[in-house]
């Protein structure tokens, strides 16, 4: 779980509890990566983590804010365990999350496993907001990946050795997870998604506003070029993806919100098996 100075203490405390002491199957270790200086209230919360209030823990610290990819990579490298779960500092993990995911990882031989999420906010109670889903089976995920990110990052459990073998998290604003999934797939990882809602995902008023502009479109271009070079997509899919992502990044925030929910989350379709991954 990465933590930085703009996180809100009450949300962080709820996220910490939900991912540790409130879990039916508690994690063996909480790794909290402190990404830069913290205000007093968050520092006090970190000291409670160190004291063991949320179970066995390890706190990693950095003097300056370096970004989520660097924070996640540090946590991945520091983990002494093979199965590593991702959690955000403002979301809520459902109590059954790890009790469902860990056996699935072991029984199905998976390297990467996510699940569904439900949005919530200060105005919408957890469990009441829009549903976010993704394809469930490995082959479906492989066919879906050239179109959109096939796993919800806050729900993921991954196999540490497989993620590190392909370079782990690399800096690409808002798309560091999608890039990792692409490289893990190319490295032979077995992927899946649970159908259950595993995480209540906090959506504030500015979420979709932050997901626009040149900086994020630059990330889109970099990832699409990478997937083209890796032959995950062909020139036609590259052109379509760039046009669609350009329209998304430069639309007003309220248009982005409607478009995302209508055309992505409410229309999770898996391309026909006969379609090549480089189409």
C-alpha atoms as a PDB file:
ATOM      1  CA  UNK A   1       0.000   0.000   0.000  1.00  0.00           C
ATOM      2  CA  UNK A   2       1.562   3.312  -1.067  1.00  0.00           C
ATOM      3  CA  UNK A   3       0.996   6.389   1.096  1.00  0.00           C
ATOM      4  CA  UNK A   4       1.744  10.034   0.387  1.00  0.00           C
ATOM      5  CA  UNK A   5       1.135  13.415   1.961  1.00  0.00           C
ATOM      6  CA  UNK A   6      -2.191  14.204   0.265  1.00  0.00           C
ATOM      7  CA  UNK A   7      -3.946  11.058   1.488  1.00  0.00           C
ATOM      8  CA  UNK A   8      -6.602  11.702   4.130  1.00  0.00           C
ATOM      9  CA  UNK A   9      -6.017  10.045   7.537  1.00  0.00           C
ATOM     10  CA  UNK A  10      -9.570   8.775   8.080  1.00  0.00           C
ATOM     11  CA  UNK A  11      -9.624   7.160   4.634  1.00  0.00           C
ATOM     12  CA  UNK A  12      -6.179   5.634   5.128  1.00  0.00           C
ATOM     13  CA  UNK A  13      -7.141   4.147   8.495  1.00  0.00           C
ATOM     14  CA  UNK A  14     -10.245   2.553   6.964  1.00  0.00           C
ATOM     15  CA  UNK A  15      -8.218   1.208   4.032  1.00  0.00           C
ATOM     16  CA  UNK A  16      -5.559  -0.219   6.350  1.00  0.00           C
ATOM     17  CA  UNK A  17      -8.095  -1.981   8.567  1.00  0.00           C
ATOM     18  CA  UNK A  18     -10.033  -3.376   5.622  1.00  0.00           C
ATOM     19  CA  UNK A  19      -6.885  -4.884   4.081  1.00  0.00           C
ATOM     20  CA  UNK A  20      -5.509  -6.374   7.306  1.00  0.00           C
ATOM     21  CA  UNK A  21      -7.333  -6.923  10.605  1.00  0.00           C
ATOM     22  CA  UNK A  22     -10.794  -6.985   8.992  1.00  0.00           C
ATOM     23  CA  UNK A  23      -9.867  -9.698   6.494  1.00  0.00           C
ATOM     24  CA  UNK A  24     -11.199 -13.223   6.960  1.00  0.00           C
ATOM     25  CA  UNK A  25      -7.768 -14.372   5.792  1.00  0.00           C
ATOM     26  CA  UNK A  26      -5.269 -11.865   7.105  1.00  0.00           C
ATOM     27  CA  UNK A  27      -2.076 -11.075   5.215  1.00  0.00           C
ATOM     28  CA  UNK A  28       1.216 -12.291   6.650  1.00  0.00           C
ATOM     29  CA  UNK A  29       2.726  -8.818   6.246  1.00  0.00           C
ATOM     30  CA  UNK A  30       1.612  -5.271   5.508  1.00  0.00           C
ATOM     31  CA  UNK A  31       4.160  -3.299   3.475  1.00  0.00           C
ATOM     32  CA  UNK A  32       3.429   0.423   3.656  1.00  0.00           C
ATOM     33  CA  UNK A  33       5.509   2.540   1.276  1.00  0.00           C
ATOM     34  CA  UNK A  34       5.683   6.160   2.459  1.00  0.00           C
ATOM     35  CA  UNK A  35       6.285   8.211  -0.665  1.00  0.00           C
ATOM     36  CA  UNK A  36       7.669  11.529   0.585  1.00  0.00           C
ATOM     37  CA  UNK A  37       7.060  13.705   3.662  1.00  0.00           C
ATOM     38  CA  UNK A  38       3.815  13.347   5.615  1.00  0.00           C
ATOM     39  CA  UNK A  39       1.730  15.753   7.707  1.00  0.00           C
ATOM     40  CA  UNK A  40       1.497  15.104  11.429  1.00  0.00           C
ATOM     41  CA  UNK A  41      -1.816  13.214  11.323  1.00  0.00           C
ATOM     42  CA  UNK A  42      -0.582  10.725   8.741  1.00  0.00           C
ATOM     43  CA  UNK A  43       2.730  10.321  10.547  1.00  0.00           C
ATOM     44  CA  UNK A  44       0.828   9.389  13.698  1.00  0.00           C
ATOM     45  CA  UNK A  45      -1.042   6.745  11.703  1.00  0.00           C
ATOM     46  CA  UNK A  46       2.235   5.343  10.373  1.00  0.00           C
ATOM     47  CA  UNK A  47       3.470   4.989  13.939  1.00  0.00           C
ATOM     48  CA  UNK A  48       0.377   2.904  14.714  1.00  0.00           C
ATOM     49  CA  UNK A  49       1.300   0.679  11.766  1.00  0.00           C
ATOM     50  CA  UNK A  50       4.845   0.338  13.121  1.00  0.00           C
ATOM     51  CA  UNK A  51       3.441  -0.541  16.552  1.00  0.00           C
ATOM     52  CA  UNK A  52       1.573  -3.498  15.064  1.00  0.00           C
ATOM     53  CA  UNK A  53      -1.991  -2.231  15.309  1.00  0.00           C
ATOM     54  CA  UNK A  54      -2.715  -3.574  11.817  1.00  0.00           C
ATOM     55  CA  UNK A  55      -0.674  -6.759  12.190  1.00  0.00           C
ATOM     56  CA  UNK A  56       2.916  -7.519  11.179  1.00  0.00           C
ATOM     57  CA  UNK A  57       4.236  -4.644   9.110  1.00  0.00           C
ATOM     58  CA  UNK A  58       7.178  -3.155   7.288  1.00  0.00           C
ATOM     59  CA  UNK A  59       7.357   0.571   6.516  1.00  0.00           C
ATOM     60  CA  UNK A  60       9.485   1.800   3.608  1.00  0.00           C
ATOM     61  CA  UNK A  61      10.296   5.512   3.494  1.00  0.00           C
ATOM     62  CA  UNK A  62      11.530   7.977   0.910  1.00  0.00           C
ATOM     63  CA  UNK A  63      12.369  11.619   1.534  1.00  0.00           C
ATOM     64  CA  UNK A  64      10.775  12.895  -1.675  1.00  0.00           C
ATOM     65  CA  UNK A  65       7.599  12.059  -3.584  1.00  0.00           C
ATOM     66  CA  UNK A  66       8.596   9.836  -6.510  1.00  0.00           C
ATOM     67  CA  UNK A  67       5.243   8.539  -7.738  1.00  0.00           C
ATOM     68  CA  UNK A  68       3.142   5.423  -7.380  1.00  0.00           C
ATOM     69  CA  UNK A  69       5.150   3.190  -9.739  1.00  0.00           C
ATOM     70  CA  UNK A  70       8.360   3.675  -7.744  1.00  0.00           C
ATOM     71  CA  UNK A  71       6.495   3.141  -4.465  1.00  0.00           C
ATOM     72  CA  UNK A  72       4.892  -0.077  -5.705  1.00  0.00           C
ATOM     73  CA  UNK A  73       8.149  -1.387  -7.119  1.00  0.00           C
ATOM     74  CA  UNK A  74       9.876  -0.820  -3.784  1.00  0.00           C
ATOM     75  CA  UNK A  75       7.155  -2.770  -2.003  1.00  0.00           C
ATOM     76  CA  UNK A  76       7.310  -5.578  -4.560  1.00  0.00           C
ATOM     77  CA  UNK A  77      11.071  -5.894  -4.199  1.00  0.00           C
ATOM     78  CA  UNK A  78      10.932  -5.726  -0.391  1.00  0.00           C
ATOM     79  CA  UNK A  79       8.312  -8.456   0.026  1.00  0.00           C
ATOM     80  CA  UNK A  80       9.647 -11.760   1.398  1.00  0.00           C
ATOM     81  CA  UNK A  81       6.534 -13.523   0.082  1.00  0.00           C
ATOM     82  CA  UNK A  82       5.675 -14.852  -3.365  1.00  0.00           C
ATOM     83  CA  UNK A  83       2.026 -13.729  -3.391  1.00  0.00           C
ATOM     84  CA  UNK A  84       1.638  -9.960  -3.129  1.00  0.00           C
ATOM     85  CA  UNK A  85      -1.683  -8.122  -2.944  1.00  0.00           C
ATOM     86  CA  UNK A  86      -2.181  -4.550  -4.107  1.00  0.00           C
ATOM     87  CA  UNK A  87      -4.267  -2.127  -2.017  1.00  0.00           C
ATOM     88  CA  UNK A  88      -4.901   1.614  -2.228  1.00  0.00           C
ATOM     89  CA  UNK A  89      -4.882   3.993   0.720  1.00  0.00           C
ATOM     90  CA  UNK A  90      -8.422   5.255   0.108  1.00  0.00           C
ATOM     91  CA  UNK A  91     -10.318   2.135  -1.002  1.00  0.00           C
ATOM     92  CA  UNK A  92     -12.043  -0.536   1.082  1.00  0.00           C
ATOM     93  CA  UNK A  93     -11.218  -4.221   0.655  1.00  0.00           C
ATOM     94  CA  UNK A  94     -14.159  -6.565   1.192  1.00  0.00           C
ATOM     95  CA  UNK A  95     -13.535  -8.908   4.194  1.00  0.00           C
ATOM     96  CA  UNK A  96     -13.601 -12.011   1.999  1.00  0.00           C
ATOM     97  CA  UNK A  97     -11.150 -10.652  -0.582  1.00  0.00           C
ATOM     98  CA  UNK A  98      -8.026 -12.652   0.307  1.00  0.00           C
ATOM     99  CA  UNK A  99     -10.027 -15.690   1.434  1.00  0.00           C
ATOM    100  CA  UNK A 100     -11.322 -15.883  -2.142  1.00  0.00           C
ATOM    101  CA  UNK A 101      -8.211 -14.849  -4.042  1.00  0.00           C
ATOM    102  CA  UNK A 102      -5.395 -16.771  -2.365  1.00  0.00           C
ATOM    103  CA  UNK A 103      -6.970 -20.247  -2.840  1.00  0.00           C
ATOM    104  CA  UNK A 104      -7.749 -19.365  -6.480  1.00  0.00           C
ATOM    105  CA  UNK A 105      -4.122 -18.395  -7.077  1.00  0.00           C
ATOM    106  CA  UNK A 106      -2.932 -21.682  -5.613  1.00  0.00           C
ATOM    107  CA  UNK A 107      -5.561 -24.022  -7.057  1.00  0.00           C
ATOM    108  CA  UNK A 108      -5.558 -22.616 -10.590  1.00  0.00           C
ATOM    109  CA  UNK A 109      -1.836 -21.912 -10.827  1.00  0.00           C
ATOM    110  CA  UNK A 110      -2.420 -18.235 -11.574  1.00  0.00           C
ATOM    111  CA  UNK A 111       0.223 -15.523 -11.625  1.00  0.00           C
ATOM    112  CA  UNK A 112      -2.155 -12.569 -11.669  1.00  0.00           C
ATOM    113  CA  UNK A 113      -5.694 -12.385 -10.295  1.00  0.00           C
ATOM    114  CA  UNK A 114      -8.119  -9.476  -9.951  1.00  0.00           C
ATOM    115  CA  UNK A 115     -11.834  -9.066  -9.414  1.00  0.00           C
ATOM    116  CA  UNK A 116     -14.782  -6.736  -9.659  1.00  0.00           C
ATOM    117  CA  UNK A 117     -15.166  -3.391  -7.867  1.00  0.00           C
ATOM    118  CA  UNK A 118     -18.016  -1.107  -6.871  1.00  0.00           C
ATOM    119  CA  UNK A 119     -17.628   2.641  -6.852  1.00  0.00           C
ATOM    120  CA  UNK A 120     -18.485   4.717  -3.793  1.00  0.00           C
ATOM    121  CA  UNK A 121     -17.999   8.307  -2.699  1.00  0.00           C
ATOM    122  CA  UNK A 122     -18.892  10.756   0.035  1.00  0.00           C
ATOM    123  CA  UNK A 123     -22.408  10.783  -1.427  1.00  0.00           C
ATOM    124  CA  UNK A 124     -22.756   7.088  -2.357  1.00  0.00           C
ATOM    125  CA  UNK A 125     -22.377   4.427   0.324  1.00  0.00           C
ATOM    126  CA  UNK A 126     -20.049   1.444  -0.247  1.00  0.00           C
ATOM    127  CA  UNK A 127     -21.871  -1.322  -2.075  1.00  0.00           C
ATOM    128  CA  UNK A 128     -24.349   1.046  -3.715  1.00  0.00           C
ATOM    129  CA  UNK A 129     -22.372   2.564  -6.598  1.00  0.00           C
ATOM    130  CA  UNK A 130     -21.725   1.501 -10.210  1.00  0.00           C
ATOM    131  CA  UNK A 131     -20.191  -1.921 -10.796  1.00  0.00           C
ATOM    132  CA  UNK A 132     -16.822  -2.334 -12.543  1.00  0.00           C
ATOM    133  CA  UNK A 133     -16.117  -5.742 -14.084  1.00  0.00           C
ATOM    134  CA  UNK A 134     -13.589  -7.392 -16.369  1.00  0.00           C
ATOM    135  CA  UNK A 135     -13.366 -10.722 -18.311  1.00  0.00           C
ATOM    136  CA  UNK A 136     -12.842 -13.730 -16.039  1.00  0.00           C
ATOM    137  CA  UNK A 137     -10.805 -16.384 -17.869  1.00  0.00           C
ATOM    138  CA  UNK A 138      -7.214 -16.221 -19.101  1.00  0.00           C
ATOM    139  CA  UNK A 139      -8.022 -16.525 -22.808  1.00  0.00           C
ATOM    140  CA  UNK A 140     -10.704 -13.847 -22.539  1.00  0.00           C
ATOM    141  CA  UNK A 141      -8.287 -11.551 -20.735  1.00  0.00           C
ATOM    142  CA  UNK A 142      -5.635 -12.044 -23.429  1.00  0.00           C
ATOM    143  CA  UNK A 143      -8.149 -11.071 -26.125  1.00  0.00           C
ATOM    144  CA  UNK A 144      -9.377  -8.082 -24.115  1.00  0.00           C
ATOM    145  CA  UNK A 145      -5.927  -6.672 -23.258  1.00  0.00           C
ATOM    146  CA  UNK A 146      -5.275  -4.931 -26.622  1.00  0.00           C
ATOM    147  CA  UNK A 147      -8.446  -2.877 -26.081  1.00  0.00           C
ATOM    148  CA  UNK A 148      -8.390  -1.935 -22.383  1.00  0.00           C
ATOM    149  CA  UNK A 149      -6.628  -2.834 -19.151  1.00  0.00           C
ATOM    150  CA  UNK A 150      -8.018  -6.297 -18.312  1.00  0.00           C
ATOM    151  CA  UNK A 151      -7.657  -6.156 -14.512  1.00  0.00           C
ATOM    152  CA  UNK A 152      -8.636  -3.600 -11.886  1.00  0.00           C
ATOM    153  CA  UNK A 153      -5.372  -2.634 -10.224  1.00  0.00           C
ATOM    154  CA  UNK A 154      -6.723  -2.145  -6.650  1.00  0.00           C
ATOM    155  CA  UNK A 155      -8.060  -5.734  -6.668  1.00  0.00           C
ATOM    156  CA  UNK A 156      -4.949  -7.548  -7.871  1.00  0.00           C
ATOM    157  CA  UNK A 157      -2.910 -10.309  -6.267  1.00  0.00           C
ATOM    158  CA  UNK A 158       0.210 -11.189  -8.237  1.00  0.00           C
ATOM    159  CA  UNK A 159       3.067 -13.638  -8.139  1.00  0.00           C
ATOM    160  CA  UNK A 160       6.140 -11.617  -7.166  1.00  0.00           C
ATOM    161  CA  UNK A 161       8.750 -13.611  -9.092  1.00  0.00           C
ATOM    162  CA  UNK A 162       6.766 -13.415 -12.342  1.00  0.00           C
ATOM    163  CA  UNK A 163       6.217  -9.652 -12.036  1.00  0.00           C
ATOM    164  CA  UNK A 164       9.866  -8.979 -11.218  1.00  0.00           C
ATOM    165  CA  UNK A 165      11.060 -11.206 -14.070  1.00  0.00           C
ATOM    166  CA  UNK A 166       9.489  -8.797 -16.584  1.00  0.00           C
ATOM    167  CA  UNK A 167      10.758  -5.662 -14.856  1.00  0.00           C
ATOM    168  CA  UNK A 168       8.000  -5.009 -12.336  1.00  0.00           C
ATOM    169  CA  UNK A 169       6.373  -1.593 -12.097  1.00  0.00           C
ATOM    170  CA  UNK A 170       7.764   1.093 -14.423  1.00  0.00           C
ATOM    171  CA  UNK A 171       6.876   4.750 -14.443  1.00  0.00           C
ATOM    172  CA  UNK A 172       4.006   5.522 -16.826  1.00  0.00           C
ATOM    173  CA  UNK A 173       1.421   7.895 -15.275  1.00  0.00           C
ATOM    174  CA  UNK A 174      -1.889   6.115 -14.572  1.00  0.00           C
ATOM    175  CA  UNK A 175      -0.886   3.195 -16.815  1.00  0.00           C
ATOM    176  CA  UNK A 176       1.915   1.546 -14.842  1.00  0.00           C
ATOM    177  CA  UNK A 177      -0.422  -1.358 -14.093  1.00  0.00           C
ATOM    178  CA  UNK A 178      -1.640  -1.867 -17.680  1.00  0.00           C
ATOM    179  CA  UNK A 179       1.972  -1.920 -18.896  1.00  0.00           C
ATOM    180  CA  UNK A 180       2.868  -4.509 -16.275  1.00  0.00           C
ATOM    181  CA  UNK A 181      -0.070  -6.735 -17.274  1.00  0.00           C
ATOM    182  CA  UNK A 182       1.046  -6.550 -20.909  1.00  0.00           C
ATOM    183  CA  UNK A 183       4.603  -7.583 -20.047  1.00  0.00           C
ATOM    184  CA  UNK A 184       3.441 -10.339 -17.713  1.00  0.00           C
ATOM    185  CA  UNK A 185       1.189 -11.732 -20.440  1.00  0.00           C
ATOM    186  CA  UNK A 186       4.097 -11.743 -22.901  1.00  0.00           C
ATOM    187  CA  UNK A 187       6.191 -13.463 -20.229  1.00  0.00           C
ATOM    188  CA  UNK A 188       3.704 -16.328 -20.066  1.00  0.00           C
ATOM    189  CA  UNK A 189       1.746 -15.353 -16.945  1.00  0.00           C
ATOM    190  CA  UNK A 190      -1.588 -17.065 -16.278  1.00  0.00           C
ATOM    191  CA  UNK A 191      -4.259 -14.460 -15.518  1.00  0.00           C
ATOM    192  CA  UNK A 192      -7.778 -14.429 -14.139  1.00  0.00           C
ATOM    193  CA  UNK A 193     -10.499 -12.360 -12.500  1.00  0.00           C
ATOM    194  CA  UNK A 194     -12.916 -13.355  -9.754  1.00  0.00           C
ATOM    195  CA  UNK A 195     -16.554 -12.472 -10.525  1.00  0.00           C
ATOM    196  CA  UNK A 196     -17.197 -11.180  -6.999  1.00  0.00           C
ATOM    197  CA  UNK A 197     -16.802  -7.574  -5.891  1.00  0.00           C
ATOM    198  CA  UNK A 198     -13.530  -7.570  -3.944  1.00  0.00           C
ATOM    199  CA  UNK A 199     -12.976  -3.841  -3.435  1.00  0.00           C
ATOM    200  CA  UNK A 200     -15.115  -0.763  -2.905  1.00  0.00           C
ATOM    201  CA  UNK A 201     -13.372   1.838  -5.059  1.00  0.00           C
ATOM    202  CA  UNK A 202     -13.490   5.452  -3.948  1.00  0.00           C
ATOM    203  CA  UNK A 203     -14.432   7.893  -6.703  1.00  0.00           C
ATOM    204  CA  UNK A 204     -14.174  11.566  -5.754  1.00  0.00           C
ATOM    205  CA  UNK A 205     -15.509  14.506  -7.736  1.00  0.00           C
ATOM    206  CA  UNK A 206     -12.171  15.187  -9.420  1.00  0.00           C
ATOM    207  CA  UNK A 207     -11.280  11.627 -10.478  1.00  0.00           C
ATOM    208  CA  UNK A 208     -12.289  11.961 -14.112  1.00  0.00           C
ATOM    209  CA  UNK A 209     -10.971  15.523 -14.314  1.00  0.00           C
ATOM    210  CA  UNK A 210      -7.514  14.240 -13.319  1.00  0.00           C
ATOM    211  CA  UNK A 211      -7.595  11.627 -16.076  1.00  0.00           C
ATOM    212  CA  UNK A 212      -7.413  14.075 -18.936  1.00  0.00           C
ATOM    213  CA  UNK A 213      -4.842  16.274 -20.644  1.00  0.00           C
ATOM    214  CA  UNK A 214      -1.572  15.979 -22.526  1.00  0.00           C
ATOM    215  CA  UNK A 215       0.354  14.185 -19.786  1.00  0.00           C
ATOM    216  CA  UNK A 216      -2.049  11.250 -19.717  1.00  0.00           C
ATOM    217  CA  UNK A 217      -2.380  11.193 -23.494  1.00  0.00           C
ATOM    218  CA  UNK A 218       1.417  10.982 -23.647  1.00  0.00           C
ATOM    219  CA  UNK A 219       1.195   7.876 -21.428  1.00  0.00           C
ATOM    220  CA  UNK A 220      -1.410   6.424 -23.781  1.00  0.00           C
ATOM    221  CA  UNK A 221       0.860   7.011 -26.767  1.00  0.00           C
ATOM    222  CA  UNK A 222       3.858   5.428 -25.057  1.00  0.00           C
ATOM    223  CA  UNK A 223       1.916   2.306 -24.107  1.00  0.00           C
ATOM    224  CA  UNK A 224       0.269   1.937 -27.511  1.00  0.00           C
ATOM    225  CA  UNK A 225       3.669   2.248 -29.200  1.00  0.00           C
ATOM    226  CA  UNK A 226       5.069  -0.355 -26.838  1.00  0.00           C
ATOM    227  CA  UNK A 227       2.225  -2.762 -27.600  1.00  0.00           C
ATOM    228  CA  UNK A 228       2.716  -2.161 -31.325  1.00  0.00           C
ATOM    229  CA  UNK A 229       6.433  -2.954 -31.068  1.00  0.00           C
ATOM    230  CA  UNK A 230       5.611  -6.037 -28.979  1.00  0.00           C
ATOM    231  CA  UNK A 231       3.086  -7.124 -31.654  1.00  0.00           C
ATOM    232  CA  UNK A 232       0.275  -7.200 -29.137  1.00  0.00           C
ATOM    233  CA  UNK A 233      -1.582  -4.852 -31.492  1.00  0.00           C
ATOM    234  CA  UNK A 234      -1.227  -4.133 -35.201  1.00  0.00           C
ATOM    235  CA  UNK A 235      -1.198  -0.765 -37.011  1.00  0.00           C
ATOM    236  CA  UNK A 236      -4.978  -0.681 -37.401  1.00  0.00           C
ATOM    237  CA  UNK A 237      -5.676  -1.310 -33.715  1.00  0.00           C
ATOM    238  CA  UNK A 238      -2.902   1.174 -32.824  1.00  0.00           C
ATOM    239  CA  UNK A 239      -4.601   3.913 -34.862  1.00  0.00           C
ATOM    240  CA  UNK A 240      -8.054   3.148 -33.428  1.00  0.00           C
ATOM    241  CA  UNK A 241      -6.752   3.050 -29.860  1.00  0.00           C
ATOM    242  CA  UNK A 242      -4.884   6.360 -30.214  1.00  0.00           C
ATOM    243  CA  UNK A 243      -7.919   8.130 -31.699  1.00  0.00           C
ATOM    244  CA  UNK A 244     -10.264   6.809 -29.008  1.00  0.00           C
ATOM    245  CA  UNK A 245      -7.861   7.651 -26.183  1.00  0.00           C
ATOM    246  CA  UNK A 246      -7.255  11.125 -27.588  1.00  0.00           C
ATOM    247  CA  UNK A 247     -10.998  11.774 -27.638  1.00  0.00           C
ATOM    248  CA  UNK A 248     -11.241  10.488 -24.052  1.00  0.00           C
ATOM    249  CA  UNK A 249      -8.291  12.482 -22.649  1.00  0.00           C
ATOM    250  CA  UNK A 250      -9.340  15.807 -24.173  1.00  0.00           C
ATOM    251  CA  UNK A 251     -13.072  15.606 -23.487  1.00  0.00           C
ATOM    252  CA  UNK A 252     -14.518  17.533 -20.506  1.00  0.00           C
ATOM    253  CA  UNK A 253     -14.426  15.603 -17.224  1.00  0.00           C
ATOM    254  CA  UNK A 254     -18.189  15.019 -17.136  1.00  0.00           C
ATOM    255  CA  UNK A 255     -18.091  13.606 -20.677  1.00  0.00           C
ATOM    256  CA  UNK A 256     -15.213  11.308 -19.669  1.00  0.00           C
ATOM    257  CA  UNK A 257     -17.230  10.033 -16.718  1.00  0.00           C
ATOM    258  CA  UNK A 258     -20.264   9.190 -18.891  1.00  0.00           C
ATOM    259  CA  UNK A 259     -18.161   7.713 -21.692  1.00  0.00           C
ATOM    260  CA  UNK A 260     -16.145   5.484 -19.384  1.00  0.00           C
ATOM    261  CA  UNK A 261     -19.183   4.042 -17.647  1.00  0.00           C
ATOM    262  CA  UNK A 262     -21.229   3.607 -20.803  1.00  0.00           C
ATOM    263  CA  UNK A 263     -18.679   2.279 -23.254  1.00  0.00           C
ATOM    264  CA  UNK A 264     -16.182   0.453 -21.016  1.00  0.00           C
ATOM    265  CA  UNK A 265     -17.636  -0.642 -17.685  1.00  0.00           C
ATOM    266  CA  UNK A 266     -21.118  -1.353 -19.011  1.00  0.00           C
ATOM    267  CA  UNK A 267     -19.860  -3.014 -22.191  1.00  0.00           C
ATOM    268  CA  UNK A 268     -17.176  -5.506 -21.163  1.00  0.00           C
ATOM    269  CA  UNK A 269     -17.077  -7.551 -24.344  1.00  0.00           C
ATOM    270  CA  UNK A 270     -14.456 -10.134 -25.262  1.00  0.00           C
ATOM    271  CA  UNK A 271     -13.414 -10.070 -28.938  1.00  0.00           C
ATOM    272  CA  UNK A 272     -14.218 -13.212 -30.909  1.00  0.00           C
ATOM    273  CA  UNK A 273     -11.587 -15.970 -30.473  1.00  0.00           C
ATOM    274  CA  UNK A 274     -10.868 -15.934 -34.210  1.00  0.00           C
ATOM    275  CA  UNK A 275      -9.572 -12.367 -34.009  1.00  0.00           C
ATOM    276  CA  UNK A 276      -5.772 -12.207 -33.845  1.00  0.00           C
ATOM    277  CA  UNK A 277      -4.186 -10.381 -30.913  1.00  0.00           C
ATOM    278  CA  UNK A 278      -2.440  -8.128 -33.450  1.00  0.00           C
ATOM    279  CA  UNK A 279      -5.637  -7.162 -35.265  1.00  0.00           C
END
